[in-house]
């Protein structure tokens, strides 16, 4: 471990047992922040400078507000004036979630790169784009027609199941007027 990175096992149960049941997970989060502020020597023990990892926060809130975990093993890293807190031993489901998130960000970065390449105008590309735009418009029109057909079918099904309102039959001639 480096000088600006440490691992701790933070006991949470002793603190969240002192608070109301519906506030326990919130108390566990605050306990982590206070513990890290104390041990990493943050000036004035400012809790706003302690940042929890999204996955750690989700893990604490996973079982609801009334039953947070009893203890958490965390890795604490100092980034300038801020201190980042994350899992020391990352569980499998968190690894999967992080990988999924990274893939999503990579796709977004690729799309940005593609858009910057498309911005460079050339005459050949403009004619190709016009043809592609025409094809895209035709595809959109076809898909819109299909969608309208589906909506019409759904409305017909809904009409089929509605009960028809019958007009009351008046047996007396005085009520028919």
C-alpha atoms as a PDB file:
ATOM      1  CA  UNK A   1       0.000   0.000   0.000  1.00  0.00           C
ATOM      2  CA  UNK A   2       1.058   3.545  -0.678  1.00  0.00           C
ATOM      3  CA  UNK A   3       1.153   6.386   1.838  1.00  0.00           C
ATOM      4  CA  UNK A   4      -2.072   7.874   0.481  1.00  0.00           C
ATOM      5  CA  UNK A   5      -3.920   4.543   0.327  1.00  0.00           C
ATOM      6  CA  UNK A   6      -5.060   2.508   3.340  1.00  0.00           C
ATOM      7  CA  UNK A   7      -7.384  -0.376   4.170  1.00  0.00           C
ATOM      8  CA  UNK A   8      -9.775  -0.427   7.111  1.00  0.00           C
ATOM      9  CA  UNK A   9     -12.436  -2.711   8.540  1.00  0.00           C
ATOM     10  CA  UNK A  10     -15.071  -0.284   9.782  1.00  0.00           C
ATOM     11  CA  UNK A  11     -17.435  -1.555  12.501  1.00  0.00           C
ATOM     12  CA  UNK A  12     -20.912  -0.216  11.792  1.00  0.00           C
ATOM     13  CA  UNK A  13     -23.254  -2.148  14.077  1.00  0.00           C
ATOM     14  CA  UNK A  14     -22.291  -0.344  17.285  1.00  0.00           C
ATOM     15  CA  UNK A  15     -23.226   3.001  15.729  1.00  0.00           C
ATOM     16  CA  UNK A  16     -26.386   2.102  13.821  1.00  0.00           C
ATOM     17  CA  UNK A  17     -27.831   0.250  16.818  1.00  0.00           C
ATOM     18  CA  UNK A  18     -28.024   3.615  18.610  1.00  0.00           C
ATOM     19  CA  UNK A  19     -30.287   5.188  15.983  1.00  0.00           C
ATOM     20  CA  UNK A  20     -33.892   4.625  14.977  1.00  0.00           C
ATOM     21  CA  UNK A  21     -34.553   1.656  12.697  1.00  0.00           C
ATOM     22  CA  UNK A  22     -35.576   3.716   9.701  1.00  0.00           C
ATOM     23  CA  UNK A  23     -32.368   5.788   9.936  1.00  0.00           C
ATOM     24  CA  UNK A  24     -29.880   2.928  10.249  1.00  0.00           C
ATOM     25  CA  UNK A  25     -28.417   2.844   6.725  1.00  0.00           C
ATOM     26  CA  UNK A  26     -28.023   6.615   6.748  1.00  0.00           C
ATOM     27  CA  UNK A  27     -26.259   6.331  10.116  1.00  0.00           C
ATOM     28  CA  UNK A  28     -23.956   3.627   8.676  1.00  0.00           C
ATOM     29  CA  UNK A  29     -22.977   5.960   5.805  1.00  0.00           C
ATOM     30  CA  UNK A  30     -22.287   8.793   8.241  1.00  0.00           C
ATOM     31  CA  UNK A  31     -20.244   6.444  10.444  1.00  0.00           C
ATOM     32  CA  UNK A  32     -18.048   5.483   7.485  1.00  0.00           C
ATOM     33  CA  UNK A  33     -17.493   9.140   6.639  1.00  0.00           C
ATOM     34  CA  UNK A  34     -16.685  10.073  10.257  1.00  0.00           C
ATOM     35  CA  UNK A  35     -14.321   7.110  10.623  1.00  0.00           C
ATOM     36  CA  UNK A  36     -12.456   7.994   7.424  1.00  0.00           C
ATOM     37  CA  UNK A  37     -12.308  11.698   8.327  1.00  0.00           C
ATOM     38  CA  UNK A  38     -10.776  10.800  11.710  1.00  0.00           C
ATOM     39  CA  UNK A  39      -8.254   8.258  10.426  1.00  0.00           C
ATOM     40  CA  UNK A  40      -7.166  10.097   7.276  1.00  0.00           C
ATOM     41  CA  UNK A  41      -6.705  13.345   9.249  1.00  0.00           C
ATOM     42  CA  UNK A  42      -9.012  15.528   7.191  1.00  0.00           C
ATOM     43  CA  UNK A  43      -8.880  19.164   8.369  1.00  0.00           C
ATOM     44  CA  UNK A  44     -11.860  20.061  10.599  1.00  0.00           C
ATOM     45  CA  UNK A  45     -13.158  16.523   9.935  1.00  0.00           C
ATOM     46  CA  UNK A  46     -15.141  17.898   7.013  1.00  0.00           C
ATOM     47  CA  UNK A  47     -17.444  15.056   5.871  1.00  0.00           C
ATOM     48  CA  UNK A  48     -18.110  16.724   2.510  1.00  0.00           C
ATOM     49  CA  UNK A  49     -14.531  15.873   1.515  1.00  0.00           C
ATOM     50  CA  UNK A  50     -15.142  12.139   1.987  1.00  0.00           C
ATOM     51  CA  UNK A  51     -16.613  10.583  -1.170  1.00  0.00           C
ATOM     52  CA  UNK A  52     -18.108   7.075  -1.124  1.00  0.00           C
ATOM     53  CA  UNK A  53     -17.987   4.790  -4.136  1.00  0.00           C
ATOM     54  CA  UNK A  54     -21.387   4.264  -5.788  1.00  0.00           C
ATOM     55  CA  UNK A  55     -21.141   0.499  -5.385  1.00  0.00           C
ATOM     56  CA  UNK A  56     -20.255   0.768  -1.688  1.00  0.00           C
ATOM     57  CA  UNK A  57     -23.232   3.059  -1.117  1.00  0.00           C
ATOM     58  CA  UNK A  58     -25.530   0.668  -3.000  1.00  0.00           C
ATOM     59  CA  UNK A  59     -24.222  -2.270  -0.959  1.00  0.00           C
ATOM     60  CA  UNK A  60     -25.031  -0.505   2.309  1.00  0.00           C
ATOM     61  CA  UNK A  61     -28.550   0.386   1.131  1.00  0.00           C
ATOM     62  CA  UNK A  62     -29.121  -3.008  -0.551  1.00  0.00           C
ATOM     63  CA  UNK A  63     -31.012  -4.609   2.344  1.00  0.00           C
ATOM     64  CA  UNK A  64     -33.027  -1.471   2.975  1.00  0.00           C
ATOM     65  CA  UNK A  65     -32.788   1.328   5.486  1.00  0.00           C
ATOM     66  CA  UNK A  66     -33.388  -0.898   8.516  1.00  0.00           C
ATOM     67  CA  UNK A  67     -30.671  -3.567   8.162  1.00  0.00           C
ATOM     68  CA  UNK A  68     -27.275  -2.311   6.894  1.00  0.00           C
ATOM     69  CA  UNK A  69     -24.187  -4.555   7.107  1.00  0.00           C
ATOM     70  CA  UNK A  70     -22.459  -4.941  10.498  1.00  0.00           C
ATOM     71  CA  UNK A  71     -18.977  -4.130   9.185  1.00  0.00           C
ATOM     72  CA  UNK A  72     -17.346  -3.136   5.916  1.00  0.00           C
ATOM     73  CA  UNK A  73     -13.807  -3.622   4.628  1.00  0.00           C
ATOM     74  CA  UNK A  74     -12.820  -0.556   2.622  1.00  0.00           C
ATOM     75  CA  UNK A  75      -9.851   0.904   0.766  1.00  0.00           C
ATOM     76  CA  UNK A  76      -9.326   4.629   1.279  1.00  0.00           C
ATOM     77  CA  UNK A  77      -7.430   6.752  -1.269  1.00  0.00           C
ATOM     78  CA  UNK A  78      -6.485  10.401  -1.005  1.00  0.00           C
ATOM     79  CA  UNK A  79      -7.072  12.458  -4.179  1.00  0.00           C
ATOM     80  CA  UNK A  80      -5.849  15.969  -3.438  1.00  0.00           C
ATOM     81  CA  UNK A  81      -8.195  17.443  -0.848  1.00  0.00           C
ATOM     82  CA  UNK A  82     -10.808  14.697  -1.320  1.00  0.00           C
ATOM     83  CA  UNK A  83     -10.731  11.167   0.053  1.00  0.00           C
ATOM     84  CA  UNK A  84     -12.287   8.333  -1.969  1.00  0.00           C
ATOM     85  CA  UNK A  85     -13.714   5.280  -0.182  1.00  0.00           C
ATOM     86  CA  UNK A  86     -14.327   2.010  -2.080  1.00  0.00           C
ATOM     87  CA  UNK A  87     -14.494  -1.723  -1.445  1.00  0.00           C
ATOM     88  CA  UNK A  88     -11.212  -3.388  -0.433  1.00  0.00           C
ATOM     89  CA  UNK A  89     -12.304  -6.801  -1.699  1.00  0.00           C
ATOM     90  CA  UNK A  90     -14.710  -6.234  -4.539  1.00  0.00           C
ATOM     91  CA  UNK A  91     -17.617  -8.733  -4.598  1.00  0.00           C
ATOM     92  CA  UNK A  92     -18.416 -10.533  -7.867  1.00  0.00           C
ATOM     93  CA  UNK A  93     -21.668  -8.683  -8.515  1.00  0.00           C
ATOM     94  CA  UNK A  94     -19.871  -5.348  -8.103  1.00  0.00           C
ATOM     95  CA  UNK A  95     -17.139  -6.443 -10.536  1.00  0.00           C
ATOM     96  CA  UNK A  96     -19.843  -7.295 -13.049  1.00  0.00           C
ATOM     97  CA  UNK A  97     -21.586  -3.943 -12.535  1.00  0.00           C
ATOM     98  CA  UNK A  98     -18.296  -2.027 -12.923  1.00  0.00           C
ATOM     99  CA  UNK A  99     -17.426  -3.905 -16.121  1.00  0.00           C
ATOM    100  CA  UNK A 100     -20.879  -3.186 -17.511  1.00  0.00           C
ATOM    101  CA  UNK A 101     -20.519   0.503 -16.649  1.00  0.00           C
ATOM    102  CA  UNK A 102     -17.075   0.686 -18.294  1.00  0.00           C
ATOM    103  CA  UNK A 103     -18.432  -0.917 -21.476  1.00  0.00           C
ATOM    104  CA  UNK A 104     -21.235   1.624 -21.568  1.00  0.00           C
ATOM    105  CA  UNK A 105     -18.748   4.494 -21.214  1.00  0.00           C
ATOM    106  CA  UNK A 106     -16.515   3.031 -23.936  1.00  0.00           C
ATOM    107  CA  UNK A 107     -19.474   2.902 -26.332  1.00  0.00           C
ATOM    108  CA  UNK A 108     -20.285   6.520 -25.537  1.00  0.00           C
ATOM    109  CA  UNK A 109     -16.663   7.518 -26.206  1.00  0.00           C
ATOM    110  CA  UNK A 110     -16.696   5.655 -29.539  1.00  0.00           C
ATOM    111  CA  UNK A 111     -19.890   7.443 -30.565  1.00  0.00           C
ATOM    112  CA  UNK A 112     -18.271  10.803 -29.780  1.00  0.00           C
ATOM    113  CA  UNK A 113     -15.259   9.853 -31.925  1.00  0.00           C
ATOM    114  CA  UNK A 114     -17.501   8.776 -34.801  1.00  0.00           C
ATOM    115  CA  UNK A 115     -19.414  12.059 -34.623  1.00  0.00           C
ATOM    116  CA  UNK A 116     -16.189  14.085 -34.779  1.00  0.00           C
ATOM    117  CA  UNK A 117     -15.112  12.117 -37.863  1.00  0.00           C
ATOM    118  CA  UNK A 118     -18.471  12.714 -39.536  1.00  0.00           C
ATOM    119  CA  UNK A 119     -18.149  16.466 -39.040  1.00  0.00           C
ATOM    120  CA  UNK A 120     -15.352  16.640 -41.633  1.00  0.00           C
ATOM    121  CA  UNK A 121     -17.299  17.454 -44.820  1.00  0.00           C
ATOM    122  CA  UNK A 122     -16.417  16.019 -48.228  1.00  0.00           C
ATOM    123  CA  UNK A 123     -18.457  16.080 -51.413  1.00  0.00           C
ATOM    124  CA  UNK A 124     -18.428  12.296 -51.842  1.00  0.00           C
ATOM    125  CA  UNK A 125     -19.685  11.749 -48.338  1.00  0.00           C
ATOM    126  CA  UNK A 126     -22.462  14.310 -48.791  1.00  0.00           C
ATOM    127  CA  UNK A 127     -23.964  12.372 -51.734  1.00  0.00           C
ATOM    128  CA  UNK A 128     -23.661   9.128 -49.778  1.00  0.00           C
ATOM    129  CA  UNK A 129     -25.297  10.796 -46.818  1.00  0.00           C
ATOM    130  CA  UNK A 130     -28.212  11.959 -48.952  1.00  0.00           C
ATOM    131  CA  UNK A 131     -28.777   8.390 -50.131  1.00  0.00           C
ATOM    132  CA  UNK A 132     -28.478   7.100 -46.571  1.00  0.00           C
ATOM    133  CA  UNK A 133     -30.887   9.785 -45.367  1.00  0.00           C
ATOM    134  CA  UNK A 134     -33.421   8.714 -47.982  1.00  0.00           C
ATOM    135  CA  UNK A 135     -33.077   5.084 -46.900  1.00  0.00           C
ATOM    136  CA  UNK A 136     -33.408   6.078 -43.257  1.00  0.00           C
ATOM    137  CA  UNK A 137     -36.546   8.100 -43.994  1.00  0.00           C
ATOM    138  CA  UNK A 138     -38.094   5.152 -45.855  1.00  0.00           C
ATOM    139  CA  UNK A 139     -37.265   2.826 -42.957  1.00  0.00           C
ATOM    140  CA  UNK A 140     -38.751   5.290 -40.476  1.00  0.00           C
ATOM    141  CA  UNK A 141     -41.942   5.563 -42.527  1.00  0.00           C
ATOM    142  CA  UNK A 142     -42.260   1.762 -42.662  1.00  0.00           C
ATOM    143  CA  UNK A 143     -41.695   1.445 -38.940  1.00  0.00           C
ATOM    144  CA  UNK A 144     -44.220   4.216 -38.256  1.00  0.00           C
ATOM    145  CA  UNK A 145     -46.805   2.393 -40.401  1.00  0.00           C
ATOM    146  CA  UNK A 146     -46.176  -0.825 -38.460  1.00  0.00           C
ATOM    147  CA  UNK A 147     -46.470   1.044 -35.187  1.00  0.00           C
ATOM    148  CA  UNK A 148     -49.786   2.644 -36.252  1.00  0.00           C
ATOM    149  CA  UNK A 149     -51.103  -0.798 -37.222  1.00  0.00           C
ATOM    150  CA  UNK A 150     -50.152  -2.202 -33.811  1.00  0.00           C
ATOM    151  CA  UNK A 151     -51.813   0.723 -32.050  1.00  0.00           C
ATOM    152  CA  UNK A 152     -54.970   0.227 -34.127  1.00  0.00           C
ATOM    153  CA  UNK A 153     -55.015  -3.490 -33.238  1.00  0.00           C
ATOM    154  CA  UNK A 154     -54.623  -2.690 -29.546  1.00  0.00           C
ATOM    155  CA  UNK A 155     -57.453  -0.158 -29.707  1.00  0.00           C
ATOM    156  CA  UNK A 156     -59.672  -2.692 -31.487  1.00  0.00           C
ATOM    157  CA  UNK A 157     -58.953  -5.256 -28.762  1.00  0.00           C
ATOM    158  CA  UNK A 158     -59.743  -2.694 -26.093  1.00  0.00           C
ATOM    159  CA  UNK A 159     -63.043  -1.796 -27.810  1.00  0.00           C
ATOM    160  CA  UNK A 160     -63.947  -5.473 -28.056  1.00  0.00           C
ATOM    161  CA  UNK A 161     -63.703  -5.910 -24.297  1.00  0.00           C
ATOM    162  CA  UNK A 162     -65.666  -2.824 -23.329  1.00  0.00           C
ATOM    163  CA  UNK A 163     -69.201  -3.345 -22.116  1.00  0.00           C
ATOM    164  CA  UNK A 164     -71.825  -1.561 -24.125  1.00  0.00           C
ATOM    165  CA  UNK A 165     -74.002   0.873 -22.227  1.00  0.00           C
ATOM    166  CA  UNK A 166     -77.648   0.007 -22.638  1.00  0.00           C
ATOM    167  CA  UNK A 167     -80.223   2.725 -22.554  1.00  0.00           C
ATOM    168  CA  UNK A 168     -82.750   2.186 -19.794  1.00  0.00           C
ATOM    169  CA  UNK A 169     -86.123   1.008 -20.997  1.00  0.00           C
ATOM    170  CA  UNK A 170     -88.982   3.160 -19.822  1.00  0.00           C
ATOM    171  CA  UNK A 171     -92.077   1.070 -19.143  1.00  0.00           C
ATOM    172  CA  UNK A 172     -94.348   4.031 -18.508  1.00  0.00           C
ATOM    173  CA  UNK A 173     -95.362   6.383 -21.284  1.00  0.00           C
ATOM    174  CA  UNK A 174     -94.947   9.390 -19.027  1.00  0.00           C
ATOM    175  CA  UNK A 175     -91.230   8.615 -18.599  1.00  0.00           C
ATOM    176  CA  UNK A 176     -90.625   8.210 -22.356  1.00  0.00           C
ATOM    177  CA  UNK A 177     -91.178  11.913 -23.027  1.00  0.00           C
END
